[in-house]
Amino acid sequence: MRGTGLVAAGAPKKLLQFAGLQDCYTSSTGHTRTKGNFLKATLTALEKSFGFLSPDLWGEHDYLDHPYDKPENQKEEPKKLDIRAV
């Protein structure tokens, strides 16, 4: 849920803060009593999520123009058919 800050248990919350996250909602299923395994699972989830680039991380790129895209001022004029040449 956006805008709620870090919603997590104590140990994963610290790990998410160290990762630089400020707004994250977490949930867990199963056994979370073993803190080491719980933190390892949190770290694995962070590693997998940082494999994706969000649009704010894309940066600026100079893309090449497509060969079929011509500027508006360089459009070809339609060819005129000369019927007298027949």
Protein backbone atom coordinates (compact mmCIF):
# COMPACT_ATOMS: atom_id res chain seq x y z
CA MET A 1 0.00 0.00 0.00
CA ARG A 2 1.58 3.21 -1.15
CA GLY A 3 2.32 5.87 1.40
CA THR A 4 2.33 3.61 4.47
CA GLY A 5 6.09 3.54 4.90
CA LEU A 6 7.82 0.29 5.82
CA VAL A 7 5.32 -2.29 7.01
CA ALA A 8 7.35 -5.30 8.13
CA ALA A 9 8.49 -7.21 11.18
CA GLY A 10 11.42 -5.81 13.16
CA ALA A 11 14.36 -7.66 11.57
CA PRO A 12 13.25 -7.45 7.93
CA LYS A 13 12.34 -3.81 8.47
CA LYS A 14 15.98 -3.04 9.37
CA LEU A 15 17.18 -4.96 6.31
CA LEU A 16 14.79 -3.04 4.04
CA GLN A 17 15.96 0.25 5.57
CA PHE A 18 19.59 -0.71 4.87
CA ALA A 19 18.57 -1.44 1.27
CA GLY A 20 17.25 2.11 0.99
CA LEU A 21 13.55 1.35 0.76
CA GLN A 22 11.20 3.87 2.29
CA ASP A 23 7.79 2.55 1.25
CA CYS A 24 7.22 -1.21 1.31
CA TYR A 25 4.44 -3.53 2.50
CA THR A 26 5.46 -7.07 3.40
CA SER A 27 3.66 -10.23 4.40
CA SER A 28 4.86 -13.71 5.22
CA THR A 29 3.40 -17.17 5.38
CA GLY A 30 4.74 -20.21 7.14
CA HIS A 31 7.32 -20.24 9.92
CA THR A 32 9.16 -16.99 10.59
CA ARG A 33 10.52 -17.89 14.02
CA THR A 34 13.99 -18.72 12.68
CA LYS A 35 15.32 -15.20 12.22
CA GLY A 36 18.27 -16.25 10.05
CA ASN A 37 16.08 -18.02 7.50
CA PHE A 38 13.57 -15.17 7.60
CA LEU A 39 16.28 -12.60 6.83
CA LYS A 40 17.76 -14.82 4.12
CA ALA A 41 14.34 -15.05 2.46
CA THR A 42 13.99 -11.26 2.70
CA LEU A 43 17.41 -10.76 1.14
CA THR A 44 16.58 -13.20 -1.67
CA ALA A 45 13.36 -11.30 -2.36
CA LEU A 46 15.33 -8.03 -2.50
CA GLU A 47 17.87 -9.53 -4.91
CA LYS A 48 15.10 -10.71 -7.23
CA SER A 49 13.22 -7.43 -7.11
CA PHE A 50 16.30 -5.35 -7.91
CA GLY A 51 16.70 -7.33 -11.14
CA PHE A 52 13.89 -5.23 -12.60
CA LEU A 53 14.39 -1.60 -13.59
CA SER A 54 11.55 0.75 -12.92
CA PRO A 55 11.04 3.66 -15.34
CA ASP A 56 12.66 6.13 -12.95
CA LEU A 57 15.92 4.15 -13.25
CA TRP A 58 15.96 3.97 -17.05
CA GLY A 59 17.87 7.20 -17.63
CA GLU A 60 18.12 9.14 -20.87
CA HIS A 61 19.02 7.43 -24.14
CA ASP A 62 19.62 8.68 -27.65
CA TYR A 63 17.75 6.21 -29.78
CA LEU A 64 18.43 5.86 -33.48
CA ASP A 65 15.76 7.02 -35.88
CA HIS A 66 13.87 4.36 -37.74
CA PRO A 67 14.73 4.41 -41.45
CA TYR A 68 11.09 4.81 -42.43
CA ASP A 69 10.58 7.80 -40.14
CA LYS A 70 11.27 11.02 -42.01
CA PRO A 71 11.01 14.51 -40.60
CA GLU A 72 7.87 16.41 -41.54
CA ASN A 73 9.76 18.88 -43.77
CA GLN A 74 11.35 16.10 -45.87
CA LYS A 75 8.26 14.18 -46.93
CA GLU A 76 8.25 13.02 -50.53
CA GLU A 77 5.83 14.74 -52.85
CA PRO A 78 3.45 12.46 -54.73
CA LYS A 79 4.62 11.71 -58.25
CA LYS A 80 2.57 13.25 -61.01
CA LEU A 81 1.42 11.02 -63.80
CA ASP A 82 2.03 12.42 -67.27
CA ILE A 83 -0.68 10.99 -69.48
CA ARG A 84 0.73 12.62 -72.65
CA ALA A 85 3.71 10.27 -72.64
CA VAL A 86 1.54 7.24 -73.42
